[in-house]
Amino acid sequence: MKQYLLSVHGAQGEPLPAPDVLQQMYDDVDKVNQELREKGVWVFAGGLTDASDATVVRVERGEVMTTDGPFVETKEQLGGFWVIKAENLDDALAWAEKATTACRAPVEVRPFQDEPES
């Protein structure tokens, strides 16, 4: 089976939903996570802290540099993700439909590159 990244995106600076709505979102995501595990397609998942917590590490002129904040200066940021196994893109998209409904945010689906043959 191929692995897919289901990445959850949101707009930085948007107000959080009301506490009861936020709790329902967490509960709904937990249900999706449980279903992913039960169906044997779960690989890994996680929610991320605010993009302002990021540190970018890069090499410039042969020296390692670090800068605070996200790599890309944009309002839209990655908020969390799932890595799943699916037979094909259609199956991955079906899981993304459940994910976007649960977390109430856009979910991008991207396949991982195939491993090179050794």
C-alpha atoms as a PDB file:
ATOM      1  CA  MET A   1       0.000   0.000   0.000  1.00  0.00           C
ATOM      2  CA  LYS A   2       1.107   3.538  -0.707  1.00  0.00           C
ATOM      3  CA  GLN A   3       1.473   6.114   2.057  1.00  0.00           C
ATOM      4  CA  TYR A   4      -0.288   9.467   1.904  1.00  0.00           C
ATOM      5  CA  LEU A   5       0.076  12.666   3.892  1.00  0.00           C
ATOM      6  CA  LEU A   6      -3.221  14.240   4.916  1.00  0.00           C
ATOM      7  CA  SER A   7      -2.235  17.734   6.021  1.00  0.00           C
ATOM      8  CA  VAL A   8      -4.614  20.046   7.850  1.00  0.00           C
ATOM      9  CA  HIS A   9      -4.377  23.725   7.018  1.00  0.00           C
ATOM     10  CA  GLY A  10      -5.704  26.779   8.783  1.00  0.00           C
ATOM     11  CA  ALA A  11      -5.401  30.543   8.757  1.00  0.00           C
ATOM     12  CA  GLN A  12      -3.032  31.991  11.333  1.00  0.00           C
ATOM     13  CA  GLY A  13      -4.601  34.565  13.598  1.00  0.00           C
ATOM     14  CA  GLU A  14      -8.144  33.279  13.125  1.00  0.00           C
ATOM     15  CA  PRO A  15     -10.001  33.084  16.432  1.00  0.00           C
ATOM     16  CA  LEU A  16     -10.453  29.644  17.939  1.00  0.00           C
ATOM     17  CA  PRO A  17     -13.952  28.197  17.920  1.00  0.00           C
ATOM     18  CA  ALA A  18     -16.015  28.332  21.095  1.00  0.00           C
ATOM     19  CA  PRO A  19     -14.806  25.821  23.728  1.00  0.00           C
ATOM     20  CA  ASP A  20     -17.747  23.446  23.177  1.00  0.00           C
ATOM     21  CA  VAL A  21     -17.182  23.460  19.392  1.00  0.00           C
ATOM     22  CA  LEU A  22     -13.442  22.928  19.878  1.00  0.00           C
ATOM     23  CA  GLN A  23     -14.109  19.978  22.194  1.00  0.00           C
ATOM     24  CA  GLN A  24     -16.470  18.449  19.638  1.00  0.00           C
ATOM     25  CA  MET A  25     -13.760  18.845  16.967  1.00  0.00           C
ATOM     26  CA  TYR A  26     -11.259  17.023  19.206  1.00  0.00           C
ATOM     27  CA  ASP A  27     -13.808  14.268  19.850  1.00  0.00           C
ATOM     28  CA  ASP A  28     -14.541  13.937  16.126  1.00  0.00           C
ATOM     29  CA  VAL A  29     -10.837  13.740  15.271  1.00  0.00           C
ATOM     30  CA  ASP A  30     -10.390  11.068  17.963  1.00  0.00           C
ATOM     31  CA  LYS A  31     -13.151   9.044  16.257  1.00  0.00           C
ATOM     32  CA  VAL A  32     -11.403   9.321  12.887  1.00  0.00           C
ATOM     33  CA  ASN A  33      -8.108   8.306  14.510  1.00  0.00           C
ATOM     34  CA  GLN A  34      -9.759   5.264  16.079  1.00  0.00           C
ATOM     35  CA  GLU A  35     -11.320   4.251  12.765  1.00  0.00           C
ATOM     36  CA  LEU A  36      -7.972   4.639  10.974  1.00  0.00           C
ATOM     37  CA  ARG A  37      -6.391   2.313  13.556  1.00  0.00           C
ATOM     38  CA  GLU A  38      -9.232  -0.228  13.378  1.00  0.00           C
ATOM     39  CA  LYS A  39      -9.000  -0.367   9.568  1.00  0.00           C
ATOM     40  CA  GLY A  40      -5.205  -0.820   9.722  1.00  0.00           C
ATOM     41  CA  VAL A  41      -4.349   2.290   7.679  1.00  0.00           C
ATOM     42  CA  TRP A  42      -2.968   4.440  10.532  1.00  0.00           C
ATOM     43  CA  VAL A  43       0.767   5.164  10.353  1.00  0.00           C
ATOM     44  CA  PHE A  44       1.209   8.346  12.385  1.00  0.00           C
ATOM     45  CA  ALA A  45      -0.543  11.627  13.154  1.00  0.00           C
ATOM     46  CA  GLY A  46      -0.021  14.786  15.132  1.00  0.00           C
ATOM     47  CA  GLY A  47      -1.233  18.284  15.770  1.00  0.00           C
ATOM     48  CA  LEU A  48       1.245  21.132  15.638  1.00  0.00           C
ATOM     49  CA  THR A  49       1.708  24.163  17.858  1.00  0.00           C
ATOM     50  CA  ASP A  50       1.397  27.657  16.399  1.00  0.00           C
ATOM     51  CA  ALA A  51       3.644  28.432  13.404  1.00  0.00           C
ATOM     52  CA  SER A  52       5.315  31.168  15.470  1.00  0.00           C
ATOM     53  CA  ASP A  53       6.912  28.341  17.514  1.00  0.00           C
ATOM     54  CA  ALA A  54       8.816  27.119  14.439  1.00  0.00           C
ATOM     55  CA  THR A  55      12.574  27.390  13.930  1.00  0.00           C
ATOM     56  CA  VAL A  56      14.047  27.165  10.434  1.00  0.00           C
ATOM     57  CA  VAL A  57      17.494  25.585  10.019  1.00  0.00           C
ATOM     58  CA  ARG A  58      19.413  26.119   6.760  1.00  0.00           C
ATOM     59  CA  VAL A  59      22.903  26.342   5.351  1.00  0.00           C
ATOM     60  CA  GLU A  60      24.014  29.694   3.941  1.00  0.00           C
ATOM     61  CA  ARG A  61      27.518  30.176   2.557  1.00  0.00           C
ATOM     62  CA  GLY A  62      28.613  26.967   4.269  1.00  0.00           C
ATOM     63  CA  GLU A  63      27.308  27.953   7.727  1.00  0.00           C
ATOM     64  CA  VAL A  64      24.286  26.595   9.529  1.00  0.00           C
ATOM     65  CA  MET A  65      21.815  29.370  10.318  1.00  0.00           C
ATOM     66  CA  THR A  66      18.659  29.283  12.414  1.00  0.00           C
ATOM     67  CA  THR A  67      15.792  31.755  12.308  1.00  0.00           C
ATOM     68  CA  ASP A  68      12.681  31.973  14.444  1.00  0.00           C
ATOM     69  CA  GLY A  69       9.263  31.613  12.911  1.00  0.00           C
ATOM     70  CA  PRO A  70       7.880  29.658   9.992  1.00  0.00           C
ATOM     71  CA  PHE A  71       9.812  29.115   6.772  1.00  0.00           C
ATOM     72  CA  VAL A  72       7.036  30.609   4.645  1.00  0.00           C
ATOM     73  CA  GLU A  73       5.525  33.939   5.624  1.00  0.00           C
ATOM     74  CA  THR A  74       1.879  33.331   4.874  1.00  0.00           C
ATOM     75  CA  LYS A  75      -1.436  33.485   6.662  1.00  0.00           C
ATOM     76  CA  GLU A  76      -2.204  29.826   5.890  1.00  0.00           C
ATOM     77  CA  GLN A  77      -0.190  27.375   7.967  1.00  0.00           C
ATOM     78  CA  LEU A  78       0.049  23.639   8.561  1.00  0.00           C
ATOM     79  CA  GLY A  79      -1.822  22.786  11.742  1.00  0.00           C
ATOM     80  CA  GLY A  80      -1.542  19.007  11.867  1.00  0.00           C
ATOM     81  CA  PHE A  81      -1.355  15.881   9.766  1.00  0.00           C
ATOM     82  CA  TRP A  82      -1.991  12.202   9.339  1.00  0.00           C
ATOM     83  CA  VAL A  83       0.214   9.696   7.546  1.00  0.00           C
ATOM     84  CA  ILE A  84      -1.934   6.819   6.315  1.00  0.00           C
ATOM     85  CA  LYS A  85      -1.629   3.740   4.108  1.00  0.00           C
ATOM     86  CA  ALA A  86      -4.155   3.452   1.289  1.00  0.00           C
ATOM     87  CA  GLU A  87      -4.579   1.259  -1.769  1.00  0.00           C
ATOM     88  CA  ASN A  88      -5.022   4.282  -4.043  1.00  0.00           C
ATOM     89  CA  LEU A  89      -5.745   7.991  -4.208  1.00  0.00           C
ATOM     90  CA  ASP A  90      -9.512   7.459  -4.093  1.00  0.00           C
ATOM     91  CA  ASP A  91      -9.194   5.621  -0.765  1.00  0.00           C
ATOM     92  CA  ALA A  92      -6.929   8.382   0.599  1.00  0.00           C
ATOM     93  CA  LEU A  93      -9.444  11.007  -0.518  1.00  0.00           C
ATOM     94  CA  ALA A  94     -12.231   9.149   1.293  1.00  0.00           C
ATOM     95  CA  TRP A  95     -10.184   9.339   4.517  1.00  0.00           C
ATOM     96  CA  ALA A  96      -9.501  13.034   3.855  1.00  0.00           C
ATOM     97  CA  GLU A  97     -13.246  13.616   3.596  1.00  0.00           C
ATOM     98  CA  LYS A  98     -13.675  12.173   7.085  1.00  0.00           C
ATOM     99  CA  ALA A  99     -10.693  14.194   8.331  1.00  0.00           C
ATOM    100  CA  THR A 100     -11.884  17.538   6.960  1.00  0.00           C
ATOM    101  CA  THR A 101     -15.334  16.953   8.396  1.00  0.00           C
ATOM    102  CA  ALA A 102     -13.884  16.107  11.817  1.00  0.00           C
ATOM    103  CA  CYS A 103     -11.373  18.952  12.098  1.00  0.00           C
ATOM    104  CA  ARG A 104     -13.450  21.494  10.165  1.00  0.00           C
ATOM    105  CA  ALA A 105     -10.463  22.658   8.144  1.00  0.00           C
ATOM    106  CA  PRO A 106      -9.085  22.004   4.652  1.00  0.00           C
ATOM    107  CA  VAL A 107      -7.102  18.775   4.267  1.00  0.00           C
ATOM    108  CA  GLU A 108      -4.531  18.382   1.487  1.00  0.00           C
ATOM    109  CA  VAL A 109      -3.760  14.848   0.260  1.00  0.00           C
ATOM    110  CA  ARG A 110      -0.287  14.067  -1.102  1.00  0.00           C
ATOM    111  CA  PRO A 111       1.290  10.703  -1.841  1.00  0.00           C
ATOM    112  CA  PHE A 112       4.763   9.933  -0.604  1.00  0.00           C
ATOM    113  CA  GLN A 113       7.395   9.261  -3.236  1.00  0.00           C
ATOM    114  CA  ASP A 114       7.969   5.617  -4.049  1.00  0.00           C
ATOM    115  CA  GLU A 115      11.057   4.067  -2.520  1.00  0.00           C
ATOM    116  CA  PRO A 116      13.847   3.582  -5.060  1.00  0.00           C
ATOM    117  CA  GLU A 117      14.500  -0.043  -5.906  1.00  0.00           C
ATOM    118  CA  SER A 118      17.740  -1.328  -4.433  1.00  0.00           C
END
